[in-house]
Structures are given as structure tokens and as C-alpha cells.
Protein backbone atom coordinates (compact mmCIF):
# COMPACT_ATOMS: atom_id res chain seq x y z
CA MET A 1 -34.46 1.56 39.99
CA ILE A 2 -32.59 3.59 42.92
CA LYS A 3 -33.81 3.32 46.40
CA GLU A 4 -32.10 6.22 47.78
CA ASP A 5 -32.67 10.01 46.75
CA ILE A 6 -29.61 11.07 44.98
CA CYS A 7 -30.21 14.77 44.69
CA ASN A 8 -28.01 15.49 48.04
CA LEU A 9 -25.69 12.64 47.58
CA ARG A 10 -21.87 13.29 46.78
CA VAL A 11 -20.47 11.79 43.41
CA ARG A 12 -18.79 9.23 45.66
CA ASP A 13 -21.38 8.29 47.84
CA PHE A 14 -22.81 4.41 47.34
CA VAL A 15 -26.46 3.80 46.29
CA THR A 16 -28.21 0.50 45.75
CA ARG A 17 -29.33 -0.21 42.43
CA ILE A 18 -31.79 -2.72 41.50
CA CYS A 19 -31.81 -3.98 37.98
CA ASP A 20 -35.26 -3.17 35.98
CA HIS A 21 -34.66 -6.45 34.08
CA CYS A 22 -33.51 -9.20 36.43
CA ASN A 23 -34.24 -7.17 39.95
CA LYS A 24 -30.65 -7.63 40.97
CA LYS A 25 -29.37 -5.69 43.49
CA ASP A 26 -25.95 -3.97 43.70
CA ARG A 27 -23.96 -1.01 45.06
CA ILE A 28 -22.56 1.94 42.65
CA THR A 29 -21.36 5.22 43.03
CA VAL A 30 -23.52 8.07 42.28
CA GLN A 31 -20.74 9.20 39.55
CA GLN A 32 -21.48 5.58 37.99
CA LEU A 33 -25.07 6.05 37.75
CA ARG A 34 -24.92 9.53 36.31
CA GLN A 35 -22.70 8.10 33.52
CA SER A 36 -24.56 5.40 32.50
CA LYS A 37 -25.93 5.98 28.97
CA LEU A 38 -28.92 3.99 29.23
CA ARG A 39 -30.34 5.73 32.32
CA GLN A 40 -29.38 8.92 30.17
CA GLN A 41 -31.43 7.68 26.73
CA TYR A 42 -34.15 5.53 28.42
CA GLY A 43 -34.43 6.47 32.19
CA LYS A 44 -33.85 2.89 33.14
CA ASP A 45 -31.30 1.04 35.10
CA TYR A 46 -29.74 -2.09 34.63
CA CYS A 47 -26.73 -4.25 36.04
CA LYS A 48 -23.67 -4.68 34.19
CA LYS A 49 -24.96 -8.08 32.62
CA CYS A 50 -28.51 -6.83 31.73
CA SER A 51 -27.01 -3.66 30.26
CA TYR A 52 -24.94 -5.53 27.71
CA ILE A 53 -27.46 -7.77 26.26
CA TYR A 54 -29.79 -4.66 26.19
CA ARG A 55 -27.21 -2.61 23.99
CA ASN A 56 -26.63 -5.64 21.71
CA LEU A 57 -30.26 -6.08 21.24
CA ASP A 58 -30.83 -2.23 20.49
CA HIS A 59 -27.89 -2.15 18.49
CA PRO A 60 -27.35 -5.61 16.64
CA GLU A 61 -24.01 -6.79 15.14
CA GLY A 62 -22.60 -8.74 12.28
CA ILE A 63 -25.39 -9.35 9.44
CA LYS A 64 -28.43 -7.77 11.51
CA SER A 65 -26.55 -4.25 11.70
CA SER A 66 -27.52 -1.51 9.58
CA SER A 67 -23.97 -0.37 8.57
CA TRP A 68 -22.90 -4.21 7.80
CA LYS A 69 -20.64 -3.78 4.76
CA GLY A 70 -20.17 -7.56 3.93
CA GLY A 71 -17.73 -8.08 7.02
CA LEU A 72 -14.66 -6.56 5.00
CA SER A 73 -12.29 -3.99 5.57
CA LEU A 74 -9.80 -2.14 3.45
CA ASN A 75 -6.18 -2.64 4.69
CA LYS A 76 -4.74 1.13 3.83
CA THR A 77 -1.02 -0.41 4.04
CA SER A 78 -1.50 -3.13 1.55
CA GLY A 79 -4.66 -1.58 -0.33
CA TYR A 80 -6.30 -5.23 -0.27
CA LEU A 81 -9.47 -6.24 1.25
CA ARG A 82 -9.60 -8.27 4.51
CA ILE A 83 -12.02 -10.50 6.24
CA ASN A 84 -12.74 -8.95 9.73
CA LYS A 85 -13.92 -12.42 11.38
CA ASN A 86 -10.22 -13.95 11.02
CA ASN A 87 -8.31 -11.24 9.37
CA GLU A 88 -7.55 -13.22 6.15
CA TYR A 89 -6.92 -11.47 2.86
CA TYR A 90 -10.23 -11.81 0.79
CA HIS A 91 -8.81 -12.29 -2.40
CA LYS A 92 -6.68 -15.22 -0.91
CA LYS A 93 -9.87 -16.61 0.36
CA ILE A 94 -11.68 -16.36 -2.96
CA PHE A 95 -8.66 -18.50 -4.88
CA GLY A 96 -8.10 -20.81 -1.88
CA ASP A 97 -11.99 -21.65 -2.12
CA TYR A 98 -11.45 -22.34 -6.07
CA LEU A 99 -8.60 -24.66 -5.67
CA GLY A 100 -10.18 -26.43 -3.04
CA ARG A 101 -7.62 -26.08 -0.26
CA LYS A 102 -6.06 -23.22 1.85
CA LEU A 103 -2.78 -21.11 0.15
CA THR A 104 0.55 -21.50 1.89
CA ARG A 105 2.39 -18.65 3.78
CA LYS A 106 4.76 -18.72 0.65
CA GLU A 107 2.08 -18.41 -2.23
CA GLN A 108 0.89 -15.28 -3.48
CA VAL A 109 -2.03 -13.95 -5.68
CA HIS A 110 -1.21 -11.25 -8.40
CA HIS A 111 -4.02 -9.16 -9.63
CA ILE A 112 -3.59 -9.21 -13.67
CA ASP A 113 -5.36 -5.71 -14.16
CA MET A 114 -3.47 -4.56 -11.00
CA ASP A 115 -6.65 -3.23 -9.15
CA LYS A 116 -6.58 -4.98 -5.77
CA LEU A 117 -10.19 -4.20 -5.28
CA ASN A 118 -10.87 -6.42 -8.44
CA ASN A 119 -11.21 -10.21 -6.96
CA ASN A 120 -12.56 -11.99 -10.12
CA LEU A 121 -11.14 -15.49 -10.68
CA ASP A 122 -10.29 -14.56 -14.20
CA ASN A 123 -7.98 -11.56 -12.51
CA PHE A 124 -5.97 -14.03 -10.38
CA PHE A 125 -2.29 -15.33 -10.94
CA LEU A 126 -0.97 -17.53 -8.49
CA CYS A 127 2.79 -17.06 -7.72
CA ARG A 128 4.76 -19.75 -6.23
CA ASP A 129 6.49 -17.18 -3.51
CA LYS A 130 7.30 -13.61 -3.18
CA ARG A 131 10.06 -13.80 -5.40
CA GLU A 132 8.13 -14.85 -8.44
CA HIS A 133 5.82 -12.13 -7.48
CA ASN A 134 8.46 -9.43 -7.40
CA GLN A 135 9.74 -10.74 -10.59
CA LEU A 136 6.44 -10.43 -12.26
CA HIS A 137 6.34 -6.96 -11.17
CA SER A 138 10.15 -6.35 -12.57
CA SER A 139 9.04 -7.89 -16.06
CA MET A 140 6.17 -5.19 -16.30
CA GLU A 141 8.82 -2.61 -15.69
CA ILE A 142 11.06 -4.04 -18.33
CA LEU A 143 8.00 -4.07 -20.98
CA ALA A 144 7.30 -0.46 -19.38
CA PHE A 145 10.81 0.84 -20.69
CA GLU A 146 10.42 -0.94 -23.99
CA LEU A 147 7.09 0.99 -24.64
CA PHE A 148 9.22 4.45 -23.30
CA THR A 149 11.49 3.73 -26.20
CA GLU A 150 8.87 3.24 -28.89
CA GLU A 151 7.17 6.73 -27.43
CA LYS A 152 4.06 4.88 -26.01
CA ILE A 153 5.13 5.92 -22.23
CA PHE A 154 6.64 9.42 -21.52
CA PHE A 155 8.51 10.87 -18.48
CA ASP A 156 7.36 14.50 -17.05
CA LYS A 157 10.43 15.80 -15.63
CA LYS A 158 8.49 18.47 -13.87
CA GLN A 159 6.62 16.17 -11.98
CA ASN A 160 9.21 13.20 -12.03
CA ILE A 161 6.58 10.83 -13.25
CA TYR A 162 6.09 8.45 -16.09
CA THR A 163 2.57 9.51 -17.97
CA LEU A 164 0.90 8.40 -21.20
CA ASP A 165 0.79 11.81 -22.22
CA ARG A 166 3.35 13.42 -24.45
CA CYS A 167 5.80 15.88 -22.66
CA ASP A 168 7.93 18.36 -23.86
CA ASN A 169 11.01 18.24 -21.74
CA ASP A 170 13.80 20.66 -22.77
CA LYS A 171 17.30 18.92 -23.33
CA ILE A 172 20.57 20.05 -22.15
CA ILE A 173 23.66 19.90 -23.66
CA PHE A 174 26.59 18.88 -20.81
CA ILE A 175 29.90 17.10 -21.37
CA PRO A 176 31.26 15.36 -18.00
CA SER A 177 35.21 16.36 -17.33
CA LYS A 178 35.98 12.89 -16.89
CA LYS A 179 34.94 9.41 -18.04
CA PRO A 180 34.03 6.21 -16.57
CA THR A 181 36.74 3.97 -15.76
CA CYS A 182 35.06 0.48 -15.22
CA LYS A 183 31.62 -1.24 -15.00
CA CYS A 184 30.20 -2.78 -11.77
CA LEU A 185 27.72 -5.52 -11.21
CA TRP A 186 25.24 -4.84 -8.73
CA ARG A 187 23.01 -7.01 -6.73
CA ASN A 188 19.81 -6.35 -8.85
CA GLY A 189 21.77 -7.71 -11.78
CA LYS A 190 22.25 -4.49 -13.29
CA TYR A 191 25.78 -3.12 -14.50
CA TYR A 192 26.78 0.25 -13.37
CA GLU A 193 29.69 2.98 -14.53
CA SER A 194 32.36 3.51 -11.95
CA LEU A 195 34.59 6.30 -11.58
CA TYR A 196 37.90 5.73 -9.68
CA LEU A 197 38.80 8.85 -7.37
CA GLY A 198 42.29 7.54 -6.12
CA ASN A 199 43.23 5.95 -2.87
CA LYS A 200 41.00 3.02 -3.50
CA LYS A 201 37.73 5.02 -3.68
CA HIS A 202 35.21 4.58 -6.31
CA ILE A 203 31.89 6.83 -7.23
CA ALA A 204 28.94 5.61 -9.35
CA TYR A 205 29.35 7.64 -12.66
CA TYR A 206 25.82 8.89 -12.60
CA ARG A 207 26.38 10.59 -9.03
CA PHE A 208 29.71 12.15 -10.24
CA VAL A 209 27.48 13.47 -13.44
CA ILE A 210 24.62 14.95 -11.51
CA GLU A 211 27.29 16.35 -8.69
CA GLU A 212 29.40 18.29 -11.40
CA PHE A 213 26.33 19.56 -13.57
CA THR A 214 24.87 21.09 -10.22
CA GLY A 215 27.82 21.78 -8.38
CA LYS A 216 26.58 20.04 -5.27
CA LYS A 217 27.56 17.16 -3.51
CA LEU A 218 24.40 14.30 -3.45
CA ASN A 219 23.24 13.55 0.00
CA LYS A 220 23.14 9.55 0.74
CA ASP A 221 19.33 9.45 0.95
CA ILE A 222 19.46 10.82 -2.46
CA GLN A 223 18.90 8.18 -5.37
CA VAL A 224 19.63 8.56 -8.95
CA HIS A 225 16.76 7.23 -11.59
CA HIS A 226 17.85 6.12 -15.03
CA ILE A 227 14.41 7.61 -17.24
CA ASP A 228 14.93 4.94 -19.93
CA GLY A 229 15.81 2.08 -17.55
CA ASN A 230 19.53 1.98 -18.94
CA THR A 231 21.71 1.96 -16.29
CA LEU A 232 24.75 2.56 -18.66
CA ASN A 233 23.35 5.52 -20.34
CA ASN A 234 24.65 8.23 -18.05
CA ASP A 235 23.40 11.16 -19.87
CA ILE A 236 22.54 14.08 -18.33
CA ASN A 237 19.14 14.11 -20.06
CA ASN A 238 18.54 10.36 -18.83
CA ILE A 239 18.91 10.67 -15.02
CA VAL A 240 17.57 12.52 -12.24
CA ALA A 241 17.94 12.68 -8.75
CA LEU A 242 15.36 11.94 -6.69
CA SER A 243 14.56 11.00 -2.67
CA ARG A 244 13.80 7.43 -1.74
CA LYS A 245 9.72 8.31 -1.45
CA LYS A 246 9.85 10.08 -5.14
CA HIS A 247 12.06 7.32 -6.37
CA ARG A 248 9.57 4.71 -5.53
CA GLU A 249 6.41 7.04 -6.67
CA CYS A 250 8.23 7.23 -10.04
CA HIS A 251 8.60 3.45 -10.22
CA ASN A 252 5.00 3.26 -9.32
CA SER A 253 3.99 5.58 -11.92
CA LEU A 254 5.84 3.36 -14.26
CA GLN A 255 3.41 0.31 -13.63
CA ASN A 256 0.12 2.59 -13.25
CA CYS A 257 1.09 3.32 -17.32
CA VAL A 258 1.16 -0.48 -17.66
CA LYS A 259 -2.00 -0.87 -16.11
CA GLU A 260 -3.67 2.03 -17.67
CA LEU A 261 -2.30 0.38 -21.39
CA TYR A 262 -3.79 -3.17 -20.14
CA LYS A 263 -7.35 -1.54 -19.57
CA ILE A 264 -7.17 -0.16 -23.30
CA GLY A 265 -5.83 -3.52 -24.96
CA VAL A 266 -2.44 -2.09 -25.89
CA VAL A 267 -0.76 -4.58 -23.11
CA LYS A 268 -1.85 -8.30 -22.53
CA PHE A 269 -1.13 -10.98 -19.78
CA SER A 270 -0.16 -14.69 -20.76
CA LYS A 271 -0.91 -16.99 -17.99
CA GLU A 272 0.63 -19.80 -19.36
CA ALA A 273 4.07 -17.63 -19.76
CA GLY A 274 2.97 -15.69 -16.67
CA ARG A 275 4.09 -12.35 -18.14
CA TYR A 276 3.00 -9.55 -19.78
CA HIS A 277 3.63 -8.65 -23.41
CA VAL A 278 2.37 -6.37 -26.36
């Protein structure tokens, strides 16, 4: 309730407001009074404390809310479900309750069917740390490359992704002018062929092959992908130049193929060995 008549007052003028709930008096501007949502909706005047209580009673939170979704939210970056209350990963909470203890920071939970929203206990595999989790995904790619040689997985050169549908890729006949001079072991444990250019300069042989075939020098941000997974097979039909983003999407499509083959029973997972197999 307002004592003064606000019709002839300016927006910066002060008026006395009497709370309709607790009868508390306070001084507010005409502008604050007109911006009050409760006054606009219900024609009532509340003090700051009572308006907060009234809003919560009118719009309940938590389980009482009509938009309650189990207290979970999807993290768009990781793709996992999180608990809104403490921002904890939902799958870690479920597996921790099953073990009767809270998982350590290093421990990670792997979804066997690679569906991050499938949080059944049978779909979980506990990894000691991030390194073991990455090795598990690497073993998936090794198996996928074996299935590629068996023609159960195919590579689409038009979209630069792996697929389960057979693709007709045109074969190119090209013989490089130079042969590789040596082999180099990289940090990922794989061997790559190298070409010596003189003056203590070397170039990766697969980059040399693509540069000579296209007649253009590759940008530093461009990466070369070996389609069959064999880094020593530098045939022009086995290598493709991709950006970092496309290269990552290419490897993701390879794991998605394993995911689809797992669903139909071609690929299986052994919890004792901690790896995928056919």
C-alpha cells in the first residue's frame, strides 16, 4: 500500500510503502515501485524480504517445481550428466555409491557402450587414471583399424570420416620423386618415415608426398591422417590432409564405428582384460 498519490510525482521522487504482508514501512522511488513485478501482476506491495518469500511460495524450487528434471543437467562440453546441487558427475556418484566409497580425483569411469547417458552399473568400467582411460580408447582405434583391413569399416574420402557403409573411392596412381631416408620414433610410440633435405633439415615423408602431389606447401596447422592406421604406409591413397578439427572428427568417427559394432554384437568388451575384442 502506498500513502502518497504517485500520479503527479517524478520517477526519482520517494514515497512511503507499507508492506501488505508484514506492515513494514520503507522509502522507495516511484521508478522502483513501477518496476515491481508483484505490483504489476497482483496489485500488491511487499517489502524486499516478503517479496522474496512470496515469489518462492508462488514459484516453488527443487522437487516441488513443475520444471523439476531430477536435479541433473547436461554438460555440453563433456557430454556427461552433472548433479546441480554439488556439480558432481552423475555416473561417478552412481559408481561411488556401488563401491561404498567416493572415487578419487585420478579415477575415471568408462562407459563401455560409449553412450555417456547410459549410466547403468553394467555399462561402467573403472580406470585407475586418465592415462589408462586414454589407453582404453586407443585400443578401440587399434581394433577399428584391424576391422578396416577386414573391410568391416570403410573410409569415405568425400566427407573424410569412417563409416560402416561401403564407399567407392577412386584410386590414384602416383610415384614420388624421392624415397624416405630414415625412420623416426615419435612420442606416441609410432614410427614415421622421414626425408633428409640437407643442411640438417628433415621433413615427414607423408607431408612431402602430399606437397609434391598437390604442388602446394602444407600449412603448419594442417595434419596428415593415415587411413589404415599404418604410419609407414605413405601411399597417396592412404594419406589425407586435414585440419586439426577435421582430424579429431575423423578419429571420433572411427570410435563411433566401434560403438555401432558393439551395439549389434560384433565387438565385445572384456572387463577382466579391460579391452575391446571381436
